[in-house]
N, C-alpha and C. Protein backbone atom coordinates (compact mmCIF):
# COMPACT_ATOMS: atom_id res chain seq x y z
N MET A 1 92.62 91.88 81.43
CA MET A 1 93.99 91.70 81.62
C MET A 1 94.53 93.18 81.73
N LEU A 2 95.44 93.32 82.78
CA LEU A 2 96.23 94.69 82.94
C LEU A 2 97.24 94.98 81.82
N ASN A 3 97.06 95.96 81.41
CA ASN A 3 98.06 96.45 80.25
C ASN A 3 99.01 97.26 80.91
N PHE A 4 100.42 96.67 80.65
CA PHE A 4 101.61 97.42 81.28
C PHE A 4 102.73 97.42 80.32
N PHE A 5 103.39 98.52 80.44
CA PHE A 5 104.46 98.69 79.30
C PHE A 5 105.71 99.42 80.13
N PHE A 6 106.81 99.13 79.55
CA PHE A 6 107.96 99.73 80.01
C PHE A 6 108.76 100.06 78.71
N TYR A 7 109.12 101.35 78.68
CA TYR A 7 109.96 101.82 77.41
C TYR A 7 111.31 102.23 77.88
N PRO A 8 112.52 101.80 77.47
CA PRO A 8 113.68 102.47 77.66
C PRO A 8 113.70 103.92 77.10
N PHE A 9 114.40 104.76 77.77
CA PHE A 9 114.39 106.13 77.32
C PHE A 9 114.79 106.49 75.82
N ALA A 10 115.88 105.67 75.45
CA ALA A 10 116.43 105.98 74.15
C ALA A 10 115.57 105.78 72.95
N ALA A 11 114.62 104.84 73.10
CA ALA A 11 113.72 104.44 72.15
C ALA A 11 112.91 105.45 71.73
N LEU A 12 112.53 106.53 72.47
CA LEU A 12 111.62 107.59 72.17
C LEU A 12 112.26 108.97 71.96
N SER A 13 113.53 108.84 71.68
CA SER A 13 114.14 110.22 71.58
C SER A 13 114.12 110.53 70.06
N ILE A 14 113.88 111.72 69.69
CA ILE A 14 113.67 112.19 68.41
C ILE A 14 114.37 113.65 68.31
N ALA A 15 114.79 113.95 67.28
CA ALA A 15 115.65 115.06 67.04
C ALA A 15 114.73 116.46 66.87
N ASN A 16 113.81 116.34 66.18
CA ASN A 16 113.02 117.60 65.64
C ASN A 16 111.52 117.40 65.75
N PRO A 17 111.05 117.22 66.90
CA PRO A 17 109.59 116.76 67.06
C PRO A 17 108.58 117.91 66.57
N VAL A 18 107.38 117.33 66.10
CA VAL A 18 106.44 118.21 65.81
C VAL A 18 105.43 118.28 66.67
N LEU A 19 105.18 119.33 67.40
CA LEU A 19 104.42 119.31 68.68
C LEU A 19 102.91 119.30 68.36
N ASN A 20 102.15 118.47 68.94
CA ASN A 20 100.64 118.42 68.95
C ASN A 20 100.33 119.29 70.15
N PRO A 21 99.10 119.98 70.24
CA PRO A 21 98.72 120.80 71.45
C PRO A 21 98.57 120.09 72.53
N VAL A 22 98.32 118.69 72.34
CA VAL A 22 98.30 117.84 73.72
C VAL A 22 99.53 117.30 74.18
N ASP A 23 100.63 117.31 73.32
CA ASP A 23 101.86 116.78 73.72
C ASP A 23 102.52 117.64 74.75
N ILE A 24 103.30 117.13 75.55
CA ILE A 24 104.12 117.95 76.41
C ILE A 24 105.53 117.59 76.25
N PRO A 25 106.34 118.81 75.74
CA PRO A 25 107.69 118.43 75.47
C PRO A 25 108.46 118.43 76.69
N VAL A 26 109.45 117.45 76.83
CA VAL A 26 110.30 117.36 78.06
C VAL A 26 111.84 117.29 77.33
N VAL A 27 112.45 118.26 77.97
CA VAL A 27 113.89 118.50 77.65
C VAL A 27 114.77 117.31 78.21
N TYR A 28 115.46 116.47 77.36
CA TYR A 28 116.39 115.58 77.93
C TYR A 28 117.86 115.86 77.44
N PRO A 29 118.64 115.09 77.84
CA PRO A 29 120.10 115.35 77.48
C PRO A 29 120.35 115.33 75.91
N SER A 30 119.48 114.40 75.33
CA SER A 30 119.57 114.10 73.81
C SER A 30 118.70 115.05 73.05
N GLY A 31 118.02 116.06 73.56
CA GLY A 31 117.05 116.87 72.82
C GLY A 31 115.47 116.57 73.36
N TYR A 32 114.56 117.19 72.65
CA TYR A 32 113.29 117.02 73.02
C TYR A 32 112.68 115.77 72.71
N VAL A 33 111.94 115.34 73.60
CA VAL A 33 111.29 114.07 73.50
C VAL A 33 109.62 114.37 73.54
N THR A 34 108.76 113.84 72.64
CA THR A 34 107.38 114.12 72.87
C THR A 34 106.75 112.62 72.74
N ILE A 35 105.58 112.48 73.30
CA ILE A 35 104.87 111.27 73.10
C ILE A 35 103.60 111.60 72.48
N ALA A 36 103.16 110.86 71.34
CA ALA A 36 101.85 111.30 70.69
C ALA A 36 100.83 110.73 71.54
N ARG A 37 99.90 111.76 72.00
CA ARG A 37 98.86 111.52 73.02
C ARG A 37 97.66 112.21 72.31
N SER A 38 96.52 111.27 72.27
CA SER A 38 95.24 111.83 71.78
C SER A 38 94.30 112.58 72.59
N ASN A 39 94.46 112.14 73.92
CA ASN A 39 93.53 112.74 74.99
C ASN A 39 94.24 112.72 76.39
N VAL A 40 95.00 113.83 76.67
CA VAL A 40 95.57 113.85 77.98
C VAL A 40 94.57 114.56 79.08
N LEU A 41 94.22 113.77 80.08
CA LEU A 41 93.38 114.22 81.12
C LEU A 41 93.97 115.09 82.09
N SER A 42 95.30 114.80 82.42
CA SER A 42 96.00 115.39 83.51
C SER A 42 97.44 115.36 83.05
N ALA A 43 98.24 116.46 83.53
CA ALA A 43 99.77 116.36 83.53
C ALA A 43 100.35 117.07 84.45
N LYS A 44 101.21 116.30 85.43
CA LYS A 44 101.79 117.01 86.57
C LYS A 44 103.41 116.62 86.49
N SER A 45 104.14 117.26 87.23
CA SER A 45 105.49 117.09 87.25
C SER A 45 106.20 117.66 88.49
N ILE A 46 107.11 117.02 88.90
CA ILE A 46 108.08 117.37 90.12
C ILE A 46 109.44 117.24 89.70
N SER A 47 110.26 117.91 90.41
CA SER A 47 111.74 117.78 90.24
C SER A 47 112.25 116.81 91.47
N LEU A 48 113.04 115.87 90.85
CA LEU A 48 113.71 115.09 92.07
C LEU A 48 114.91 115.55 92.59
N GLU A 49 115.21 116.92 92.27
CA GLU A 49 116.44 117.64 92.86
C GLU A 49 115.99 118.52 93.96
N ASN A 50 114.74 118.60 94.30
CA ASN A 50 114.45 119.55 95.37
C ASN A 50 113.34 118.84 96.50
N ARG A 51 113.69 117.53 96.44
CA ARG A 51 112.84 116.89 97.54
C ARG A 51 113.03 117.18 98.86
N TYR A 52 114.38 117.62 99.09
CA TYR A 52 114.78 118.05 100.60
C TYR A 52 115.88 119.02 100.37
N ASN A 53 116.05 119.85 101.36
CA ASN A 53 117.17 120.88 101.16
C ASN A 53 118.45 120.48 101.85
N ASN A 54 118.68 119.22 102.13
CA ASN A 54 119.90 118.52 102.38
C ASN A 54 120.12 117.49 101.18
N LYS A 55 121.43 117.70 100.50
CA LYS A 55 121.52 116.79 99.43
C LYS A 55 121.63 115.39 99.79
N MET A 56 122.17 114.94 100.96
CA MET A 56 122.22 113.63 101.33
C MET A 56 120.86 113.07 101.40
N VAL A 57 120.01 113.79 102.13
CA VAL A 57 118.67 113.41 102.29
C VAL A 57 117.84 113.30 101.01
N ASN A 58 117.96 114.46 100.26
CA ASN A 58 117.29 114.57 98.92
C ASN A 58 117.75 113.27 98.00
N ASP A 59 119.00 112.89 97.93
CA ASP A 59 119.29 111.73 97.28
C ASP A 59 118.74 110.44 97.64
N VAL A 60 118.53 110.31 98.88
CA VAL A 60 117.82 109.14 99.53
C VAL A 60 116.30 109.14 99.15
N PHE A 61 115.78 110.37 99.19
CA PHE A 61 114.36 110.53 98.70
C PHE A 61 114.18 110.09 97.16
N LYS A 62 115.09 110.68 96.34
CA LYS A 62 115.13 110.53 94.95
C LYS A 62 115.26 108.90 94.77
N ASP A 63 116.35 108.25 95.19
CA ASP A 63 116.57 106.92 94.98
C ASP A 63 115.25 106.08 95.46
N ASN A 64 114.73 106.36 96.55
CA ASN A 64 113.54 105.49 96.94
C ASN A 64 112.27 105.81 95.92
N ILE A 65 112.16 107.00 95.47
CA ILE A 65 111.08 107.25 94.55
C ILE A 65 111.43 106.35 93.22
N LEU A 66 112.66 106.47 92.62
CA LEU A 66 112.86 105.73 91.57
C LEU A 66 112.88 104.22 91.74
N LEU A 67 113.15 103.76 92.91
CA LEU A 67 113.23 102.30 93.16
C LEU A 67 111.73 101.87 93.11
N THR A 68 110.82 102.63 93.74
CA THR A 68 109.47 102.34 93.68
C THR A 68 108.95 102.30 92.39
N LEU A 69 109.29 103.00 91.27
CA LEU A 69 108.98 102.97 89.96
C LEU A 69 109.37 101.82 89.36
N SER A 70 110.77 101.57 89.62
CA SER A 70 111.35 100.14 89.05
C SER A 70 110.50 98.92 89.60
N TYR A 71 110.14 98.85 90.76
CA TYR A 71 109.14 97.93 91.31
C TYR A 71 107.88 97.94 90.57
N LEU A 72 107.34 99.01 90.30
CA LEU A 72 106.11 99.26 89.65
C LEU A 72 106.11 98.64 88.36
N SER A 73 107.25 98.94 87.52
CA SER A 73 107.45 98.49 86.28
C SER A 73 107.77 96.92 85.93
N GLY A 74 108.21 96.38 87.08
CA GLY A 74 108.71 94.98 87.15
C GLY A 74 110.09 94.89 86.75
N GLU A 75 110.77 96.08 86.55
CA GLU A 75 112.23 95.97 86.23
C GLU A 75 113.04 95.37 87.45
N VAL A 76 112.42 95.67 88.66
CA VAL A 76 113.04 95.00 89.80
C VAL A 76 111.93 94.27 90.60
N LYS A 77 112.18 93.13 91.01
CA LYS A 77 111.27 92.38 91.84
C LYS A 77 111.77 91.76 93.24
N SER A 78 112.97 92.12 93.36
CA SER A 78 113.55 91.82 94.82
C SER A 78 114.85 92.69 94.85
N LYS A 79 115.35 92.78 96.03
CA LYS A 79 116.55 93.45 96.40
C LYS A 79 117.78 92.97 95.56
N SER A 80 117.91 91.75 95.24
CA SER A 80 118.93 91.24 94.55
C SER A 80 119.05 91.64 93.16
N GLU A 81 117.87 92.16 92.62
CA GLU A 81 117.79 92.60 91.22
C GLU A 81 118.10 94.10 91.03
N ILE A 82 118.41 94.82 92.23
CA ILE A 82 118.52 96.18 92.04
C ILE A 82 119.93 96.38 91.46
N SER A 83 119.95 97.31 90.35
CA SER A 83 121.09 97.79 89.74
C SER A 83 120.75 99.38 89.85
N TRP A 84 121.43 100.00 90.71
CA TRP A 84 120.99 101.58 90.94
C TRP A 84 121.37 102.37 89.64
N GLU A 85 122.44 101.84 88.77
CA GLU A 85 122.48 102.56 87.60
C GLU A 85 121.32 102.56 86.68
N LYS A 86 120.73 101.44 86.66
CA LYS A 86 119.25 101.26 85.88
C LYS A 86 118.26 101.95 86.39
N VAL A 87 118.31 101.73 87.80
CA VAL A 87 117.01 102.56 88.54
C VAL A 87 117.20 104.01 88.37
N ALA A 88 118.40 104.63 88.33
CA ALA A 88 118.55 105.99 88.14
C ALA A 88 118.48 106.41 86.79
N SER A 89 118.35 105.57 85.60
CA SER A 89 118.40 106.08 84.29
C SER A 89 117.09 106.67 83.74
N PRO A 90 117.12 107.56 82.77
CA PRO A 90 115.88 108.15 82.36
C PRO A 90 114.86 106.95 81.74
N LYS A 91 113.69 106.98 81.99
CA LYS A 91 112.75 105.99 81.34
C LYS A 91 111.32 106.57 81.32
N ILE A 92 110.51 105.60 80.74
CA ILE A 92 109.07 105.98 80.67
C ILE A 92 108.43 104.58 80.93
N ILE A 93 107.51 104.78 81.90
CA ILE A 93 106.84 103.57 82.46
C ILE A 93 105.32 103.88 82.40
N GLU A 94 104.49 102.84 82.12
CA GLU A 94 103.11 103.22 81.97
C GLU A 94 102.26 101.97 82.44
N PHE A 95 101.08 102.13 82.93
CA PHE A 95 100.17 101.09 83.22
C PHE A 95 98.72 101.66 82.97
N SER A 96 97.61 100.76 82.72
CA SER A 96 96.45 101.12 82.45
C SER A 96 95.44 100.62 83.46
N LEU A 97 94.30 101.38 83.63
CA LEU A 97 93.28 100.93 84.50
C LEU A 97 91.97 100.84 83.50
N LYS A 98 91.36 99.73 83.32
CA LYS A 98 90.08 99.75 82.66
C LYS A 98 88.92 100.27 83.60
N PRO A 99 87.70 100.66 82.96
CA PRO A 99 86.66 101.19 83.90
C PRO A 99 86.49 100.24 85.04
N GLY A 100 86.37 100.95 86.13
CA GLY A 100 85.98 99.93 87.25
C GLY A 100 87.08 99.47 88.11
N GLU A 101 88.26 99.40 87.43
CA GLU A 101 89.47 98.87 87.96
C GLU A 101 90.12 99.87 88.95
N SER A 102 90.97 99.44 89.92
CA SER A 102 91.48 100.20 90.85
C SER A 102 93.11 100.00 91.07
N PHE A 103 93.74 101.00 91.54
CA PHE A 103 95.10 101.01 91.80
C PHE A 103 95.30 101.38 93.40
N ALA A 104 96.14 100.67 94.09
CA ALA A 104 96.47 100.97 95.47
C ALA A 104 97.96 101.05 95.48
N PHE A 105 98.44 102.04 96.16
CA PHE A 105 99.98 102.25 96.31
C PHE A 105 100.80 101.12 96.85
N HIS A 106 100.14 100.54 97.75
CA HIS A 106 100.69 99.09 98.46
C HIS A 106 99.75 97.97 98.71
N ASP A 107 100.26 96.99 99.17
CA ASP A 107 99.28 95.85 99.22
C ASP A 107 98.55 95.56 100.44
N GLN A 108 98.70 96.62 101.45
CA GLN A 108 97.92 96.44 102.70
C GLN A 108 96.64 97.32 102.44
N ILE A 109 95.54 96.75 102.11
CA ILE A 109 94.43 97.70 101.52
C ILE A 109 93.23 97.32 102.33
N LEU A 110 92.70 98.66 102.79
CA LEU A 110 91.52 98.59 103.50
C LEU A 110 90.23 97.94 102.86
N SER A 111 89.40 97.32 103.56
CA SER A 111 88.30 96.65 102.89
C SER A 111 87.36 97.47 102.24
N ALA A 112 87.34 98.83 102.40
CA ALA A 112 86.49 99.71 101.75
C ALA A 112 86.88 100.02 100.39
N TYR A 113 88.13 99.67 100.18
CA TYR A 113 88.93 100.10 98.89
C TYR A 113 89.37 98.92 98.06
N ASN A 114 88.99 97.70 98.64
CA ASN A 114 89.70 96.45 98.11
C ASN A 114 89.02 95.90 96.81
N LYS A 115 87.99 96.55 96.39
CA LYS A 115 87.19 96.20 95.20
C LYS A 115 87.98 96.32 93.92
N ASN A 116 88.26 95.25 93.12
CA ASN A 116 88.81 95.37 91.79
C ASN A 116 90.24 96.15 91.81
N VAL A 117 91.04 95.87 92.75
CA VAL A 117 92.40 96.41 92.84
C VAL A 117 93.19 95.49 91.99
N VAL A 118 93.70 96.02 90.80
CA VAL A 118 94.43 95.17 89.78
C VAL A 118 96.07 95.60 89.79
N LYS A 119 96.37 96.52 90.46
CA LYS A 119 97.70 97.19 90.34
C LYS A 119 98.15 97.74 91.52
N THR A 120 99.30 97.45 92.02
CA THR A 120 100.08 98.25 93.35
C THR A 120 101.36 98.68 92.68
N THR A 121 102.30 99.27 93.40
CA THR A 121 103.50 99.39 93.22
C THR A 121 104.49 98.22 93.29
N ASN A 122 104.03 97.07 93.98
CA ASN A 122 104.65 95.85 94.28
C ASN A 122 105.83 96.07 95.30
N ALA A 123 105.85 97.13 95.87
CA ALA A 123 106.96 97.56 96.89
C ALA A 123 106.42 97.68 98.33
N HIS A 124 107.40 97.40 99.23
CA HIS A 124 107.02 97.59 100.61
C HIS A 124 107.88 98.62 101.39
N PHE A 125 108.84 99.11 100.66
CA PHE A 125 109.45 100.43 101.02
C PHE A 125 110.40 100.18 102.29
N ASN A 126 110.91 99.01 102.44
CA ASN A 126 111.86 98.50 103.58
C ASN A 126 113.02 98.14 103.20
N TYR A 127 113.90 97.80 104.14
CA TYR A 127 115.20 97.36 103.87
C TYR A 127 115.45 96.11 103.20
N GLN A 128 114.51 95.32 103.38
CA GLN A 128 114.48 94.03 102.85
C GLN A 128 114.13 94.17 101.21
N ASP A 129 113.52 95.17 100.84
CA ASP A 129 113.25 95.52 99.39
C ASP A 129 114.35 96.33 98.82
N GLY A 130 115.39 96.68 99.67
CA GLY A 130 116.37 97.47 99.11
C GLY A 130 116.25 98.97 99.27
N PHE A 131 115.28 99.45 99.98
CA PHE A 131 115.01 100.88 100.01
C PHE A 131 116.20 101.46 100.94
N LYS A 132 116.43 102.66 100.73
CA LYS A 132 117.35 103.40 101.68
C LYS A 132 116.90 104.18 102.79
N SER A 133 117.76 104.50 103.76
CA SER A 133 117.37 105.22 104.94
C SER A 133 117.94 106.58 105.03
N ASP A 134 117.41 107.62 105.46
CA ASP A 134 118.01 108.79 105.54
C ASP A 134 118.41 109.10 106.99
N GLY A 135 118.50 108.06 107.92
CA GLY A 135 118.69 108.01 109.32
C GLY A 135 117.53 108.19 110.14
N TYR A 136 116.34 108.47 109.60
CA TYR A 136 115.14 108.51 110.17
C TYR A 136 114.09 107.55 109.89
N LEU A 137 113.84 107.28 108.54
CA LEU A 137 112.91 106.35 108.15
C LEU A 137 113.49 105.68 106.83
N THR A 138 113.34 104.26 106.85
CA THR A 138 113.70 103.56 105.54
C THR A 138 112.49 103.86 104.62
N GLY A 139 112.84 104.08 103.38
CA GLY A 139 111.82 104.38 102.36
C GLY A 139 111.29 105.72 102.42
N ASP A 140 111.88 106.63 103.04
CA ASP A 140 111.46 107.96 102.94
C ASP A 140 111.55 108.52 101.67
N GLY A 141 110.49 109.33 101.24
CA GLY A 141 110.47 109.92 99.99
C GLY A 141 109.24 109.47 99.17
N VAL A 142 108.85 108.17 99.43
CA VAL A 142 107.86 107.65 98.56
C VAL A 142 106.37 108.28 98.62
N CYS A 143 106.27 109.05 99.85
CA CYS A 143 105.04 109.76 99.95
C CYS A 143 104.90 110.85 98.81
N HIS A 144 106.12 111.38 98.42
CA HIS A 144 106.07 112.33 97.33
C HIS A 144 105.64 111.76 95.99
N LEU A 145 105.99 110.53 95.81
CA LEU A 145 105.48 109.84 94.55
C LEU A 145 103.98 109.64 94.58
N ALA A 146 103.52 109.10 95.68
CA ALA A 146 102.12 108.90 95.90
C ALA A 146 101.25 110.14 95.83
N SER A 147 101.91 111.40 96.31
CA SER A 147 101.19 112.57 96.14
C SER A 147 101.16 113.15 94.80
N LEU A 148 102.04 112.86 93.93
CA LEU A 148 102.18 113.27 92.58
C LEU A 148 101.02 112.41 91.94
N ILE A 149 100.94 111.22 92.17
CA ILE A 149 99.84 110.22 91.48
C ILE A 149 98.51 110.86 91.87
N HIS A 150 98.13 111.06 93.42
CA HIS A 150 97.05 111.61 93.87
C HIS A 150 96.51 112.90 93.18
N TRP A 151 97.45 113.68 93.08
CA TRP A 151 97.36 115.08 92.37
C TRP A 151 96.90 114.97 91.08
N ALA A 152 97.62 114.22 90.18
CA ALA A 152 97.24 114.01 88.73
C ALA A 152 95.95 113.13 88.63
N ALA A 153 95.66 112.22 89.57
CA ALA A 153 94.31 111.45 89.38
C ALA A 153 93.05 112.45 89.64
N LYS A 154 93.39 113.20 90.73
CA LYS A 154 92.19 114.17 91.01
C LYS A 154 91.95 114.93 89.87
N ASP A 155 93.11 115.62 89.18
CA ASP A 155 92.97 116.46 88.20
C ASP A 155 92.23 115.84 87.03
N ALA A 156 92.47 114.51 86.76
CA ALA A 156 92.02 113.86 85.62
C ALA A 156 90.53 113.49 85.90
N GLY A 157 89.90 113.56 87.12
CA GLY A 157 88.50 113.33 87.25
C GLY A 157 88.43 111.89 87.83
N LEU A 158 89.49 111.18 88.19
CA LEU A 158 89.24 109.82 88.68
C LEU A 158 88.95 109.86 90.23
N THR A 159 88.38 108.92 90.75
CA THR A 159 88.14 108.75 92.27
C THR A 159 89.44 108.32 92.97
N SER A 160 90.14 109.39 93.73
CA SER A 160 91.26 109.07 94.33
C SER A 160 91.08 109.42 95.74
N ASN A 161 91.50 108.47 96.64
CA ASN A 161 91.26 108.67 98.11
C ASN A 161 92.66 108.51 98.83
N ALA A 162 92.96 109.30 99.72
CA ALA A 162 94.12 109.28 100.48
C ALA A 162 93.89 109.34 102.08
N PRO A 163 93.51 108.31 102.68
CA PRO A 163 92.90 108.30 104.06
C PRO A 163 93.86 109.28 105.01
N THR A 164 95.13 109.19 104.73
CA THR A 164 95.96 110.24 105.69
C THR A 164 96.76 111.09 104.83
N ASN A 165 96.46 112.37 105.26
CA ASN A 165 97.16 113.41 104.52
C ASN A 165 98.63 113.58 105.06
N HIS A 166 99.49 114.30 104.14
CA HIS A 166 100.78 114.47 104.59
C HIS A 166 101.03 115.90 105.06
N ASP A 167 99.95 116.48 105.83
CA ASP A 167 100.02 117.77 106.28
C ASP A 167 101.02 117.94 107.33
N PHE A 168 101.68 117.05 107.93
CA PHE A 168 102.89 117.27 108.96
C PHE A 168 104.19 117.76 108.48
N ALA A 169 104.29 117.69 107.01
CA ALA A 169 105.45 118.15 106.46
C ALA A 169 105.17 118.46 104.98
N ARG A 170 105.85 119.45 104.44
CA ARG A 170 105.62 119.93 103.22
C ARG A 170 106.24 119.18 102.12
N ILE A 171 105.46 118.94 101.00
CA ILE A 171 105.99 118.14 99.64
C ILE A 171 106.10 119.17 98.65
N ASN A 172 107.43 119.64 98.45
CA ASN A 172 107.73 120.57 97.27
C ASN A 172 107.10 120.23 96.10
N ASP A 173 106.54 121.28 95.36
CA ASP A 173 106.02 121.07 94.07
C ASP A 173 104.58 120.61 93.98
N VAL A 174 104.03 119.99 95.20
CA VAL A 174 102.76 119.50 95.21
C VAL A 174 101.90 120.29 96.19
N PRO A 175 100.74 120.87 95.69
CA PRO A 175 99.86 121.61 96.65
C PRO A 175 99.55 120.74 97.93
N LYS A 176 99.40 121.46 99.00
CA LYS A 176 99.28 120.80 100.41
C LYS A 176 98.09 119.87 100.41
N GLU A 177 96.93 120.26 99.79
CA GLU A 177 95.76 119.41 99.96
C GLU A 177 95.88 117.95 99.23
N TYR A 178 96.97 117.69 98.34
CA TYR A 178 97.17 116.36 97.67
C TYR A 178 98.41 115.70 98.26
N GLY A 179 98.84 116.03 99.44
CA GLY A 179 99.68 115.28 100.14
C GLY A 179 99.28 113.95 100.72
N VAL A 180 100.10 112.90 100.49
CA VAL A 180 99.53 111.58 100.85
C VAL A 180 100.69 111.02 101.60
N SER A 181 100.28 110.46 102.89
CA SER A 181 101.15 109.84 103.96
C SER A 181 101.09 108.22 103.47
N ILE A 182 102.29 107.61 103.35
CA ILE A 182 102.31 106.23 102.99
C ILE A 182 103.09 105.59 103.96
N TYR A 183 102.55 104.42 104.40
CA TYR A 183 103.37 103.57 105.41
C TYR A 183 102.96 102.07 105.21
N ASN A 184 103.99 101.24 105.39
CA ASN A 184 103.65 99.84 105.11
C ASN A 184 104.41 99.05 106.17
N LEU A 185 103.85 98.47 107.11
CA LEU A 185 104.49 97.67 108.11
C LEU A 185 103.86 96.45 108.34
N PRO A 186 104.33 95.20 107.98
CA PRO A 186 103.66 93.91 108.48
C PRO A 186 103.26 93.91 109.84
N GLY A 187 102.05 93.37 110.11
CA GLY A 187 101.49 93.25 111.39
C GLY A 187 100.83 94.69 111.89
N SER A 188 100.80 95.57 111.13
CA SER A 188 100.17 96.72 111.41
C SER A 188 99.29 97.31 110.25
N PHE A 189 98.18 96.27 109.96
CA PHE A 189 97.42 96.43 108.93
C PHE A 189 96.66 97.61 108.84
N GLU A 190 95.75 97.90 109.86
CA GLU A 190 94.97 99.06 110.02
C GLU A 190 95.73 100.38 109.72
N THR A 191 96.74 100.46 110.32
CA THR A 191 97.73 101.77 110.16
C THR A 191 98.16 101.82 108.84
N SER A 192 98.73 100.72 108.31
CA SER A 192 99.38 100.75 107.03
C SER A 192 98.08 101.03 105.85
N GLY A 193 97.05 100.33 106.15
CA GLY A 193 95.86 100.61 105.16
C GLY A 193 95.32 102.05 105.17
N ARG A 194 95.58 102.59 106.29
CA ARG A 194 95.14 103.98 106.28
C ARG A 194 96.07 104.97 105.73
N GLN A 195 97.45 104.53 105.67
CA GLN A 195 98.33 105.37 104.90
C GLN A 195 98.85 104.71 103.49
N ASN A 196 97.83 104.81 102.69
CA ASN A 196 97.83 104.17 101.39
C ASN A 196 97.16 105.19 100.37
N LEU A 197 97.24 104.83 99.21
CA LEU A 197 96.47 105.66 98.19
C LEU A 197 95.68 104.70 97.40
N TYR A 198 94.36 105.07 97.08
CA TYR A 198 93.39 104.29 96.36
C TYR A 198 92.89 105.25 95.22
N ILE A 199 93.09 104.61 94.08
CA ILE A 199 92.43 105.17 92.95
C ILE A 199 91.60 104.30 92.12
N GLU A 200 90.39 104.72 91.69
CA GLU A 200 89.52 103.95 90.92
C GLU A 200 89.21 104.57 89.63
N ASN A 201 89.24 103.87 88.64
CA ASN A 201 88.93 104.53 87.23
C ASN A 201 87.34 104.47 87.21
N THR A 202 86.71 105.67 87.54
CA THR A 202 85.30 105.68 87.55
C THR A 202 84.80 106.28 86.10
N LEU A 203 85.70 106.56 85.13
CA LEU A 203 85.38 106.81 83.88
C LEU A 203 84.80 105.75 82.97
N GLN A 204 84.37 106.01 81.76
CA GLN A 204 83.72 105.10 81.01
C GLN A 204 84.93 104.45 80.04
N ASP A 205 85.93 105.06 80.08
CA ASP A 205 87.02 104.67 79.21
C ASP A 205 88.42 104.05 80.04
N THR A 206 89.02 103.35 79.24
CA THR A 206 90.41 102.88 79.89
C THR A 206 91.24 104.15 80.09
N VAL A 207 92.00 104.24 81.19
CA VAL A 207 93.05 105.30 81.35
C VAL A 207 94.36 104.80 81.48
N LYS A 208 95.34 105.62 81.09
CA LYS A 208 96.78 105.21 81.11
C LYS A 208 97.49 106.11 81.89
N PHE A 209 98.44 105.66 82.96
CA PHE A 209 99.29 106.44 83.74
C PHE A 209 100.59 106.24 83.08
N VAL A 210 101.06 107.32 82.69
CA VAL A 210 102.36 107.49 82.00
C VAL A 210 103.38 108.20 82.77
N PHE A 211 104.41 107.62 83.28
CA PHE A 211 105.46 108.18 84.07
C PHE A 211 106.62 108.56 83.15
N THR A 212 107.26 109.69 83.23
CA THR A 212 108.45 110.10 82.41
C THR A 212 109.54 110.55 83.40
N TYR A 213 110.57 109.97 83.27
CA TYR A 213 111.74 110.48 84.26
C TYR A 213 112.98 110.81 83.15
N ASP A 214 113.30 112.27 83.19
CA ASP A 214 114.26 112.60 82.33
C ASP A 214 115.72 112.67 82.90
N GLY A 215 115.88 112.31 84.16
CA GLY A 215 117.17 112.50 84.86
C GLY A 215 117.17 113.50 85.74
N VAL A 216 116.12 114.42 85.75
CA VAL A 216 115.83 115.43 86.81
C VAL A 216 114.40 115.52 87.18
N ASN A 217 113.55 115.58 86.16
CA ASN A 217 112.06 115.76 86.54
C ASN A 217 111.38 114.37 86.29
N LEU A 218 110.46 114.28 87.14
CA LEU A 218 109.42 113.10 87.05
C LEU A 218 108.12 113.75 86.76
N SER A 219 107.63 113.30 85.51
CA SER A 219 106.16 113.70 85.20
C SER A 219 105.26 112.50 85.03
N LEU A 220 104.03 112.90 85.23
CA LEU A 220 102.95 111.83 84.97
C LEU A 220 101.86 112.45 84.21
N GLN A 221 101.54 111.77 83.17
CA GLN A 221 100.32 112.14 82.35
C GLN A 221 99.35 111.17 82.49
N ILE A 222 97.96 111.40 82.76
CA ILE A 222 96.91 110.40 82.68
C ILE A 222 96.17 110.57 81.44
N GLU A 223 96.06 109.68 80.73
CA GLU A 223 95.27 109.72 79.33
C GLU A 223 94.15 108.86 79.30
N ARG A 224 93.27 109.25 78.42
CA ARG A 224 91.93 108.53 78.25
C ARG A 224 92.42 107.59 77.14
């Protein structure tokens, strides 16, 4: 069974943390917060304030990234359930993959990667799901989240495949080689499947993906 957890931000706030060498301190409005971790394989972070150099467009990117995380956590299951105040609030979200299990960013999955997929973001990045448009694309910005995940997964030693690179546009804070292009359009399975992200836990232990949003920065730790 897939292990999945959602933690409200306030529950993990502490005033004077004692830092373990593998803990990563994150500054929140209420002070430092640390999560006790025994074996961190990878830790990456991006700012959601520099997704694009135009504030209006940046805010669309940010909202779409956070909405994807809300779908992933199960906090949101449909457009009618969206509360943008809750979507934008600081939080910690996590899910686990057992050995041999796989994650796909969305549900149009190429047959080569369809073995043992137990988790997706549960989102389709369209208007019907409540995603926003910057005037060019609805759902713009979700490629940045996929790129963060791909970067962290590679660094953690997992098997991570992104068939289509995002080399047509820069993704701030993420090295170019880890850019992932994401696309999900019903009736366009092959194109959508090639613009997806596929991660398999090829390690011998269960791994946990822990997303932390502090109101500005989005961090991902992958732990054994």
